Structure formats: structure tokens, C-alpha cells
């Protein structure tokens, strides 16, 4: 991306290049260094902005962008958008300076609001990054390595719009060399270590502040069983206390898993030949245990599920393979139910009985509880993440009541000092 934007020429450059055959001018070679550690020591009120446009007169766009309040300087060019013709869409690329009171996101938002010719606006901030005094650069095409030592280990870098002063980063640094003479350095952010989301797992006791008037359920149904979603939803509405039902059925993959009773690892070729004689089945693939394997089969409209299963078992038996267990394929079923007028635990019991009657196995039913929290602390690092929402939900047993204290398994993603994602359920 950056190589194309920063090292490439512009579509307007139509003057033919005359090769210089003067052998005293050494060839320029491009080198790259990745994963370079850096620390942001200064942020400039500048950005490299890209946007899509159908406007072909670049001066018109420049005037509109420069006219936006807070924009001080615009230096732009066009690039052809991949897969389009010159008359359809162009990429407008601009180095833009803005008032220091603005953030880069502020500047892009103002441009988006005031320059309708530009769409899909994105940008990269500009900052000064402290890097190691010495780095190793690589030309992968020629398998060359060059050690480069900075006189002053501060490089200008293109940064994410979310990067802040003091952030720890990894960078890519690109440069051209003519012999030992460096010809420009471009660097850009690979990853922001400081703001990268950190996963934290917690087990804590919380008081249930409220239990929502809803239940959710999940389970499995045989793959060959025809189950109509609408019929199931309407049937569940006939149960006392259920006001609405929303059911989802996700078809499973058509395969049998066979666990053999005994050690047949030395007979694997015989097993594969036996399976190959059944045209409905694929070549078996194995788990780490060679006595456990799976075979796919066609589950089209004309597929005879019972016959495929019977043929497989008969074929294995005829070659003296003892089957300990045959695990049949299933589809997943889940649903969300709004309830009222009846104790949630009683409604859950009715739902469980109904689903089991409908040949749903492995039924799990949860209520949804609400919990209050202002922050979470990682027990390993002792770092605290603020939780601005203050309220989160968790799947809990329908037997609980508001005010009760229960243990929750919680996973959060923390970025900087904020919780950006939370998932919770009652601890088993």
C-alpha cells in the first residue's frame, strides 16, 4: 500500500523516461526492514489522505479541500483505482496540513462533510518515531542484506489515526540505495503495541442486578431430520409464558465419525480400500488416533442416509473391523424467546421437554442476567481497564433471581485503559 503510494509515480506523468547508460551512476536498489521497534515522540498536524472520486479535474478537488475550515495546505495527485478505467474512478492522494487544534480524524470528518466529490476517505497520520540506532535492511529479490546506522535515530513515519504520543510501535522502514548512498527513507506503522487489544480472562463474583424477560437455547438435531423453522417457532408460541420465538437452524457437515474398537493402525491401507469401494463416501481422514476417522458423504436430495450408514457399517464388519462407536452428523439449532407472566425456570423446563420431544439433543437453556461494573483488573498484570458502559449481560441458569450473587467467567478485550469488548457467562 505505502510502496504504491509513496514510491510510485502518478498517472499524469506521461513524459517518456530516457535510460541513462552512464556506468558511473550505480543502480538503485530497494531495501526493507520490518518489525522495527519504535516510540512516537512527536505528532505533526499532517496526514496522507486517500479517497475515491469520479472527478477528473484535480484542481477542483484541491480547491474544495483547501476551502474546508482548518485545512492549511494540500499537495495532491491521482492514482488509478485497481480494476477501473480512467473515466470511472480515481484515487485522490493528498498530503494535507491542518490546524494543530484538530485531530487527524477531525480533519477527515470535515473533508468528508464538505467535499462530496470524495468518498471512502481514509488517512495516515505523520509523526516522529524514535528507532534503534542501527537496523538491518533486506532486498529479498537479490537476497541482499545491508546494515544501516542512523546519524539521528528519529524517522518520520506514517501512522494510524488512533496512534498517540508515546505509543510503542513496530514499523516497516523502506529506502533506496545507490551503492552506499541512501536515497530517501519511508517508514510506516505495522502494529501499535500500546493500543493492541489484550485479552483478559476473569472469574469473579457479581450480584445479579436484573434478569431480562428472555431465554435462549441451543441444541443439536440429526442432519437427516427435516425440521421446519417456522413450524417450530409457532409450536413454541403455544407454550405458556412465551410471547415471541426466533429460531435458527444451521445445517451441519455431512460426515460420519467412526471410532474402531481395537488397534487397527497397521490395517489403514485395508480400511482405505474398503471405503473406496463405497462411491457415496470420501477417502477417510484421521485424527491423531488412527483408530478414529471421518468420512464425508453426499447429502443431496437423492441421498439415502440410512443406506449410506448401513453400507458403511456392513463394509467395515465384512473386513472384521469392530466399530466401537459411530457418531452421526448433526445440525445446530438455537433460539431466543421473550417470556412473561410465568416463572422463567418453569418456562425453561417446559421448553426443555418440548425440544427433547422434537428430537433435539444436548439442550442447553439460559436466562440473561444484567450486572454492574465500572472496571476490571487483570489479576496477572494488575492493570485496570475502565468499563464506561457500566452494565453487561451474561448467560445464567434460569433458577437464579435478582439480587443473588454468582460466579461469572468473563473475557474482556482491553485497549489502553478501556474495555472494548466483553463476554460473560455463569461459571460452571
Protein backbone atom coordinates (compact mmCIF):
# COMPACT_ATOMS: atom_id res chain seq x y z
CA UNK A 1 0.00 0.00 0.00
CA UNK A 2 2.62 2.51 1.09
CA UNK A 3 5.07 1.39 -1.57
CA UNK A 4 2.45 2.14 -4.21
CA UNK A 5 1.50 5.50 -2.69
CA UNK A 6 4.92 6.79 -1.79
CA UNK A 7 7.39 5.23 -4.21
CA UNK A 8 5.18 5.01 -7.30
CA UNK A 9 4.72 7.68 -9.94
CA UNK A 10 1.46 9.45 -10.76
CA UNK A 11 -0.83 8.70 -13.72
CA UNK A 12 -0.29 12.24 -15.05
CA UNK A 13 3.44 11.61 -15.63
CA UNK A 14 3.40 10.82 -19.36
CA UNK A 15 6.90 12.04 -20.35
CA UNK A 16 8.90 9.02 -21.57
CA UNK A 17 11.95 8.14 -19.48
CA UNK A 18 15.26 8.02 -21.36
CA UNK A 19 17.55 5.34 -19.89
CA UNK A 20 20.84 6.60 -18.53
CA UNK A 21 23.57 4.17 -19.58
CA UNK A 22 26.32 6.06 -17.77
CA UNK A 23 28.01 3.24 -15.83
CA UNK A 24 29.33 5.74 -13.30
CA UNK A 25 25.76 6.02 -11.91
CA UNK A 26 25.16 2.95 -9.71
CA UNK A 27 21.82 1.17 -9.89
CA UNK A 28 19.31 1.99 -7.17
CA UNK A 29 18.20 -0.98 -5.08
CA UNK A 30 15.18 -1.06 -2.82
CA UNK A 31 15.60 -2.33 0.75
CA UNK A 32 13.08 -3.02 3.50
CA UNK A 33 13.25 -3.62 7.25
CA UNK A 34 10.20 -4.98 9.08
CA UNK A 35 9.29 -5.31 12.75
CA UNK A 36 11.43 -2.35 13.82
CA UNK A 37 10.64 -1.18 17.37
CA UNK A 38 9.78 2.48 17.75
CA UNK A 39 8.35 5.05 20.13
CA UNK A 40 6.27 8.04 18.98
CA UNK A 41 7.96 11.22 20.21
CA UNK A 42 6.06 13.80 18.16
CA UNK A 43 2.84 14.04 16.16
CA UNK A 44 2.52 16.59 13.35
CA UNK A 45 -0.73 18.24 12.19
CA UNK A 46 -0.37 16.46 8.85
CA UNK A 47 -1.78 13.40 7.12
CA UNK A 48 -1.55 11.37 3.95
CA UNK A 49 -5.18 11.05 2.85
CA UNK A 50 -6.67 8.79 0.17
CA UNK A 51 -10.20 8.86 -1.24
CA UNK A 52 -12.14 7.56 -4.22
CA UNK A 53 -13.51 10.06 -6.72
CA UNK A 54 -15.17 10.29 -10.12
CA UNK A 55 -13.99 13.90 -10.52
CA UNK A 56 -11.18 14.05 -13.11
CA UNK A 57 -10.14 17.70 -12.58
CA UNK A 58 -7.80 17.53 -9.61
CA UNK A 59 -7.68 21.32 -9.14
CA UNK A 60 -11.42 21.32 -8.42
CA UNK A 61 -10.93 18.82 -5.60
CA UNK A 62 -7.89 20.66 -4.26
CA UNK A 63 -9.84 23.92 -4.08
CA UNK A 64 -12.72 22.23 -2.25
CA UNK A 65 -10.40 20.52 0.25
CA UNK A 66 -8.37 23.69 0.84
CA UNK A 67 -11.62 25.55 1.46
CA UNK A 68 -12.52 23.32 4.40
CA UNK A 69 -12.16 25.12 7.73
CA UNK A 70 -8.90 24.14 9.42
CA UNK A 71 -7.12 22.85 6.30
CA UNK A 72 -3.93 24.82 5.62
CA UNK A 73 -2.11 23.04 2.79
CA UNK A 74 -2.92 20.48 0.10
CA UNK A 75 -0.44 18.70 -2.19
CA UNK A 76 -2.15 16.00 -4.25
CA UNK A 77 -2.06 13.62 -7.20
CA UNK A 78 -4.28 10.98 -8.81
CA UNK A 79 -3.74 7.23 -8.96
CA UNK A 80 -5.84 4.84 -10.98
CA UNK A 81 -8.10 2.68 -8.82
CA UNK A 82 -7.39 -1.00 -9.43
CA UNK A 83 -9.78 -2.66 -11.87
CA UNK A 84 -11.32 0.57 -13.18
CA UNK A 85 -10.98 2.73 -16.27
CA UNK A 86 -9.65 6.27 -16.18
CA UNK A 87 -13.15 7.67 -16.78
CA UNK A 88 -14.78 5.82 -13.87
CA UNK A 89 -12.91 6.03 -10.57
CA UNK A 90 -9.64 7.53 -9.44
CA UNK A 91 -7.82 7.50 -6.12
CA UNK A 92 -7.16 11.01 -4.85
CA UNK A 93 -3.96 11.02 -2.77
CA UNK A 94 -3.09 14.16 -0.82
CA UNK A 95 -0.56 15.32 1.73
CA UNK A 96 -2.60 17.66 3.92
CA UNK A 97 -1.65 20.03 6.73
CA UNK A 98 -4.31 21.12 9.22
CA UNK A 99 -4.69 23.28 12.32
CA UNK A 100 -2.84 21.87 15.32
CA UNK A 101 -6.04 22.13 17.38
CA UNK A 102 -7.60 19.44 15.16
CA UNK A 103 -7.01 15.72 15.25
CA UNK A 104 -6.48 13.82 12.03
CA UNK A 105 -9.94 12.25 12.42
CA UNK A 106 -11.46 15.73 12.86
CA UNK A 107 -9.82 16.87 9.61
CA UNK A 108 -11.02 13.81 7.65
CA UNK A 109 -14.55 14.20 9.03
CA UNK A 110 -14.70 17.85 7.94
CA UNK A 111 -13.41 16.98 4.47
CA UNK A 112 -15.99 14.18 4.16
CA UNK A 113 -18.80 16.55 5.15
CA UNK A 114 -17.75 19.38 2.83
CA UNK A 115 -16.26 17.70 -0.26
CA UNK A 116 -18.96 15.46 -1.78
CA UNK A 117 -16.69 14.52 -4.70
CA UNK A 118 -14.64 12.37 -2.30
CA UNK A 119 -15.82 9.04 -0.89
CA UNK A 120 -14.20 6.18 1.07
CA UNK A 121 -11.86 8.59 2.80
CA UNK A 122 -9.02 7.17 4.85
CA UNK A 123 -5.74 8.52 6.06
CA UNK A 124 -2.43 8.10 7.84
CA UNK A 125 -1.05 10.50 10.39
CA UNK A 126 2.51 11.79 10.35
CA UNK A 127 4.82 11.61 13.34
CA UNK A 128 8.39 11.40 14.50
CA UNK A 129 9.41 7.98 15.84
CA UNK A 130 12.49 7.05 17.80
CA UNK A 131 14.03 3.84 16.38
CA UNK A 132 17.17 1.79 17.10
CA UNK A 133 20.45 3.44 16.09
CA UNK A 134 21.22 0.58 13.71
CA UNK A 135 18.90 -1.58 11.58
CA UNK A 136 19.25 -4.41 9.06
CA UNK A 137 17.63 -3.82 5.66
CA UNK A 138 16.86 -6.59 3.17
CA UNK A 139 16.44 -6.77 -0.59
CA UNK A 140 14.52 -10.04 -0.84
CA UNK A 141 14.72 -10.26 -4.65
CA UNK A 142 18.51 -10.31 -4.67
CA UNK A 143 18.84 -11.79 -1.17
CA UNK A 144 20.97 -8.86 -0.06
CA UNK A 145 21.30 -7.54 3.49
CA UNK A 146 22.54 -4.07 4.35
CA UNK A 147 23.30 -2.71 7.81
CA UNK A 148 22.36 0.96 8.17
CA UNK A 149 23.27 3.26 11.05
CA UNK A 150 21.26 6.44 11.62
CA UNK A 151 23.09 9.65 12.47
CA UNK A 152 19.98 10.57 14.46
CA UNK A 153 17.61 7.64 15.16
CA UNK A 154 14.44 9.67 14.59
CA UNK A 155 12.40 8.86 11.48
CA UNK A 156 9.26 10.41 10.11
CA UNK A 157 6.57 7.75 9.91
CA UNK A 158 3.04 7.35 8.61
CA UNK A 159 0.80 6.31 11.50
CA UNK A 160 -2.66 5.01 12.24
CA UNK A 161 -5.29 7.63 13.06
CA UNK A 162 -5.56 6.12 16.56
CA UNK A 163 -1.86 6.37 17.40
CA UNK A 164 -0.96 8.74 20.23
CA UNK A 165 2.15 10.43 21.54
CA UNK A 166 4.30 7.96 23.49
CA UNK A 167 2.87 4.82 21.87
CA UNK A 168 5.15 1.84 21.35
CA UNK A 169 5.06 0.59 17.74
CA UNK A 170 6.61 -1.77 15.26
CA UNK A 171 7.48 -0.16 11.94
CA UNK A 172 8.40 -1.04 8.39
CA UNK A 173 11.20 1.10 7.01
CA UNK A 174 11.84 1.28 3.26
CA UNK A 175 14.67 3.00 1.42
CA UNK A 176 16.55 3.08 -1.87
CA UNK A 177 20.32 2.79 -2.05
CA UNK A 178 22.62 3.74 -4.92
CA UNK A 179 25.74 1.94 -3.86
CA UNK A 180 26.27 3.02 -0.24
CA UNK A 181 24.37 6.27 -0.74
CA UNK A 182 20.86 6.26 0.75
CA UNK A 183 18.14 7.91 -1.29
CA UNK A 184 15.20 8.67 0.97
CA UNK A 185 13.58 6.76 3.82
CA UNK A 186 9.89 5.96 4.19
CA UNK A 187 8.55 4.35 7.36
CA UNK A 188 5.06 3.35 8.40
CA UNK A 189 3.32 1.71 11.31
CA UNK A 190 2.85 -2.05 11.28
CA UNK A 191 1.35 -2.53 14.73
CA UNK A 192 0.59 -0.37 17.72
CA UNK A 193 1.74 -2.37 20.73
CA UNK A 194 0.34 0.13 23.23
CA UNK A 195 -3.22 0.10 21.85
CA UNK A 196 -3.33 -3.55 20.74
CA UNK A 197 -6.31 -5.24 22.44
CA UNK A 198 -5.27 -7.50 25.29
CA UNK A 199 -7.45 -10.50 26.17
CA UNK A 200 -8.06 -10.91 29.90
CA UNK A 201 -9.87 -13.86 31.49
CA UNK A 202 -11.52 -13.41 34.87
CA UNK A 203 -13.57 -15.41 37.33
CA UNK A 204 -15.40 -13.10 39.71
CA UNK A 205 -18.47 -12.98 41.89
CA UNK A 206 -21.16 -10.47 40.87
CA UNK A 207 -24.61 -9.64 42.11
CA UNK A 208 -27.41 -10.05 39.57
CA UNK A 209 -28.95 -6.61 39.19
CA UNK A 210 -31.75 -7.68 36.83
CA UNK A 211 -32.94 -10.74 34.93
CA UNK A 212 -34.34 -9.99 31.48
CA UNK A 213 -37.64 -11.47 30.37
CA UNK A 214 -36.00 -13.70 27.82
CA UNK A 215 -34.43 -17.13 27.46
CA UNK A 216 -32.03 -18.52 24.89
CA UNK A 217 -31.48 -22.16 23.97
CA UNK A 218 -29.19 -24.33 21.87
CA UNK A 219 -29.02 -27.98 20.86
CA UNK A 220 -28.42 -30.49 18.08
CA UNK A 221 -30.74 -32.31 15.67
CA UNK A 222 -29.88 -35.23 13.36
CA UNK A 223 -28.65 -33.98 9.98
CA UNK A 224 -31.11 -36.20 8.12
CA UNK A 225 -34.09 -34.91 10.11
CA UNK A 226 -36.23 -32.35 8.32
CA UNK A 227 -37.15 -29.61 10.77
CA UNK A 228 -39.06 -26.53 9.67
CA UNK A 229 -38.04 -23.34 11.43
CA UNK A 230 -41.44 -21.64 11.13
CA UNK A 231 -43.33 -24.69 12.39
CA UNK A 232 -41.01 -24.90 15.38
CA UNK A 233 -41.43 -21.20 16.20
CA UNK A 234 -45.23 -21.43 16.01
CA UNK A 235 -45.27 -24.57 18.17
CA UNK A 236 -43.19 -22.87 20.86
CA UNK A 237 -45.60 -19.94 20.95
CA UNK A 238 -48.26 -22.35 22.15
CA UNK A 239 -46.32 -22.89 25.39
CA UNK A 240 -47.48 -20.83 28.36
CA UNK A 241 -45.37 -17.74 29.08
CA UNK A 242 -43.73 -17.42 25.64
CA UNK A 243 -44.56 -14.20 23.78
CA UNK A 244 -42.22 -14.50 20.82
CA UNK A 245 -39.76 -17.02 19.44
CA UNK A 246 -36.92 -16.72 16.95
CA UNK A 247 -35.26 -19.96 15.88
CA UNK A 248 -32.12 -20.52 13.79
CA UNK A 249 -31.11 -23.85 12.24
CA UNK A 250 -27.59 -24.20 10.81
CA UNK A 251 -27.09 -27.35 8.70
CA UNK A 252 -24.10 -29.44 9.73
CA UNK A 253 -21.47 -31.08 7.55
CA UNK A 254 -22.34 -34.46 6.06
CA UNK A 255 -19.84 -36.84 7.62
CA UNK A 256 -19.72 -39.86 9.89
CA UNK A 257 -17.05 -40.24 12.55
CA UNK A 258 -16.11 -43.85 13.29
CA UNK A 259 -14.25 -45.00 16.40
CA UNK A 260 -12.93 -48.52 16.00
CA UNK A 261 -12.82 -50.95 18.91
CA UNK A 262 -9.24 -52.19 18.93
CA UNK A 263 -5.89 -51.37 17.38
CA UNK A 264 -6.15 -51.29 13.58
CA UNK A 265 -3.32 -48.84 12.87
CA UNK A 266 -1.45 -51.43 10.76
CA UNK A 267 -4.57 -52.09 8.66
CA UNK A 268 -5.01 -48.50 7.47
CA UNK A 269 -4.48 -49.38 3.75
CA UNK A 270 -7.17 -52.10 4.00
CA UNK A 271 -9.53 -49.64 5.60
CA UNK A 272 -8.99 -47.05 2.86
CA UNK A 273 -9.59 -49.65 0.13
CA UNK A 274 -12.80 -50.70 1.87
CA UNK A 275 -14.07 -47.14 1.97
CA UNK A 276 -13.11 -46.52 -1.67
CA UNK A 277 -15.47 -49.32 -2.71
CA UNK A 278 -18.40 -47.23 -1.46
CA UNK A 279 -18.93 -44.46 -4.07
CA UNK A 280 -21.04 -42.33 -1.73
CA UNK A 281 -18.12 -41.85 0.69
CA UNK A 282 -14.89 -39.88 0.54
CA UNK A 283 -11.40 -41.11 1.45
CA UNK A 284 -11.21 -41.31 5.25
CA UNK A 285 -9.26 -38.70 7.16
CA UNK A 286 -7.86 -39.41 10.58
CA UNK A 287 -7.47 -37.78 13.95
CA UNK A 288 -4.23 -38.20 15.88
CA UNK A 289 -5.64 -41.59 16.86
CA UNK A 290 -5.52 -43.80 13.74
CA UNK A 291 -8.46 -45.83 15.11
CA UNK A 292 -10.71 -42.79 14.77
CA UNK A 293 -11.57 -41.48 11.32
CA UNK A 294 -14.22 -39.48 9.48
CA UNK A 295 -15.76 -39.89 6.04
CA UNK A 296 -17.81 -37.34 4.12
CA UNK A 297 -20.86 -38.33 2.12
CA UNK A 298 -23.22 -36.64 -0.31
CA UNK A 299 -26.35 -35.32 1.38
CA UNK A 300 -28.20 -34.18 -1.74
CA UNK A 301 -31.94 -34.64 -2.23
CA UNK A 302 -31.45 -38.14 -3.65
CA UNK A 303 -29.09 -39.29 -0.89
CA UNK A 304 -30.32 -42.29 1.10
CA UNK A 305 -28.92 -41.52 4.54
CA UNK A 306 -29.96 -44.82 6.13
CA UNK A 307 -28.46 -46.85 3.26
CA UNK A 308 -25.16 -44.94 3.32
CA UNK A 309 -24.86 -45.57 7.05
CA UNK A 310 -25.81 -49.24 6.68
CA UNK A 311 -23.38 -49.79 3.78
CA UNK A 312 -20.55 -48.27 5.79
CA UNK A 313 -21.16 -50.48 8.82
CA UNK A 314 -21.58 -53.61 6.71
CA UNK A 315 -18.38 -52.91 4.78
CA UNK A 316 -16.39 -52.48 7.97
CA UNK A 317 -17.91 -55.61 9.51
CA UNK A 318 -17.15 -57.70 6.42
CA UNK A 319 -13.45 -56.93 6.86
CA UNK A 320 -13.56 -57.65 10.60
CA UNK A 321 -13.26 -54.02 11.70
CA UNK A 322 -15.13 -53.77 15.01
CA UNK A 323 -16.95 -50.45 15.36
CA UNK A 324 -16.95 -49.15 18.91
CA UNK A 325 -18.98 -46.02 18.12
CA UNK A 326 -20.39 -44.29 15.06
CA UNK A 327 -21.00 -40.57 15.61
CA UNK A 328 -23.72 -39.32 13.29
CA UNK A 329 -23.77 -35.80 11.81
CA UNK A 330 -25.97 -33.13 13.33
CA UNK A 331 -27.29 -29.67 12.59
CA UNK A 332 -27.19 -26.88 15.18
CA UNK A 333 -30.36 -25.28 16.46
CA UNK A 334 -30.64 -22.17 18.63
CA UNK A 335 -33.28 -19.67 19.57
CA UNK A 336 -34.24 -16.56 21.55
CA UNK A 337 -37.55 -16.44 23.42
CA UNK A 338 -39.32 -13.49 25.01
CA UNK A 339 -41.26 -14.54 28.09
CA UNK A 340 -43.66 -13.02 30.64
CA UNK A 341 -46.35 -13.97 33.14
CA UNK A 342 -44.67 -17.15 34.34
CA UNK A 343 -41.57 -18.03 36.35
CA UNK A 344 -38.59 -18.28 34.00
CA UNK A 345 -37.40 -21.56 35.50
CA UNK A 346 -40.79 -23.16 34.83
CA UNK A 347 -40.83 -21.85 31.26
CA UNK A 348 -37.32 -23.24 30.75
CA UNK A 349 -38.46 -26.66 31.98
CA UNK A 350 -41.39 -26.62 29.52
CA UNK A 351 -39.06 -25.63 26.67
CA UNK A 352 -36.61 -28.41 27.50
CA UNK A 353 -39.35 -31.04 27.48
CA UNK A 354 -40.74 -29.70 24.20
CA UNK A 355 -37.34 -29.69 22.46
CA UNK A 356 -36.46 -33.18 23.63
CA UNK A 357 -39.82 -34.39 22.28
CA UNK A 358 -38.87 -32.74 18.97
CA UNK A 359 -35.66 -34.87 18.87
CA UNK A 360 -33.35 -32.04 19.88
CA UNK A 361 -30.40 -33.37 21.89
CA UNK A 362 -27.88 -31.64 24.14
CA UNK A 363 -30.41 -28.96 25.04
CA UNK A 364 -29.00 -26.02 26.99
CA UNK A 365 -31.27 -23.21 28.19
CA UNK A 366 -30.10 -19.93 29.72
CA UNK A 367 -31.63 -16.84 31.20
CA UNK A 368 -29.94 -13.48 30.61
CA UNK A 369 -28.80 -11.54 33.65
CA UNK A 370 -27.57 -7.96 33.86
CA UNK A 371 -24.59 -6.97 36.02
CA UNK A 372 -22.98 -3.68 37.02
CA UNK A 373 -19.26 -2.94 36.84
CA UNK A 374 -17.16 0.20 36.44
CA UNK A 375 -13.80 -1.50 35.82
CA UNK A 376 -11.99 -4.83 35.56
CA UNK A 377 -8.49 -5.65 36.78
CA UNK A 378 -6.18 -8.17 35.15
CA UNK A 379 -5.03 -10.41 38.04
CA UNK A 380 -1.74 -11.19 36.28
CA UNK A 381 -0.58 -7.69 35.35
CA UNK A 382 -2.69 -5.81 37.96
CA UNK A 383 -3.69 -3.41 35.17
CA UNK A 384 -7.17 -1.89 35.46
CA UNK A 385 -9.43 -1.32 32.46
CA UNK A 386 -12.30 1.15 32.78
CA UNK A 387 -15.72 -0.05 31.66
CA UNK A 388 -17.65 3.03 30.54
CA UNK A 389 -20.87 1.15 29.67
CA UNK A 390 -21.21 0.16 33.32
CA UNK A 391 -23.64 -2.68 32.51
CA UNK A 392 -23.04 -6.07 30.89
CA UNK A 393 -25.05 -9.22 30.24
CA UNK A 394 -24.28 -12.87 30.92
CA UNK A 395 -25.99 -16.18 30.26
CA UNK A 396 -27.04 -17.66 33.60
CA UNK A 397 -29.16 -20.52 34.91
CA UNK A 398 -32.93 -19.81 34.82
CA UNK A 399 -33.07 -20.80 38.50
CA UNK A 400 -31.47 -17.56 39.71
CA UNK A 401 -33.23 -14.43 40.98
CA UNK A 402 -32.21 -10.76 41.02
CA UNK A 403 -30.04 -9.85 43.99
CA UNK A 404 -28.35 -13.24 44.10
CA UNK A 405 -24.55 -13.38 43.90
CA UNK A 406 -23.00 -15.83 41.41
CA UNK A 407 -19.59 -16.53 39.88
CA UNK A 408 -19.04 -15.47 36.29
CA UNK A 409 -16.41 -16.43 33.73
CA UNK A 410 -15.59 -13.17 31.94
CA UNK A 411 -13.42 -12.42 28.92
CA UNK A 412 -12.60 -8.81 28.11
CA UNK A 413 -10.52 -7.12 25.46
CA UNK A 414 -8.74 -4.10 26.87
CA UNK A 415 -7.17 -1.39 24.75
CA UNK A 416 -5.10 1.27 26.51
CA UNK A 417 -7.10 1.52 29.76
CA UNK A 418 -10.56 0.85 28.32
CA UNK A 419 -12.70 -2.26 27.91
CA UNK A 420 -13.56 -2.51 24.21
CA UNK A 421 -15.32 -5.91 24.31
CA UNK A 422 -16.81 -8.11 27.00
CA UNK A 423 -18.31 -11.60 27.02
CA UNK A 424 -19.58 -13.33 30.15
CA UNK A 425 -21.39 -16.45 31.29
CA UNK A 426 -22.09 -18.18 34.56
CA UNK A 427 -19.16 -20.25 35.74
CA UNK A 428 -19.77 -23.98 35.59
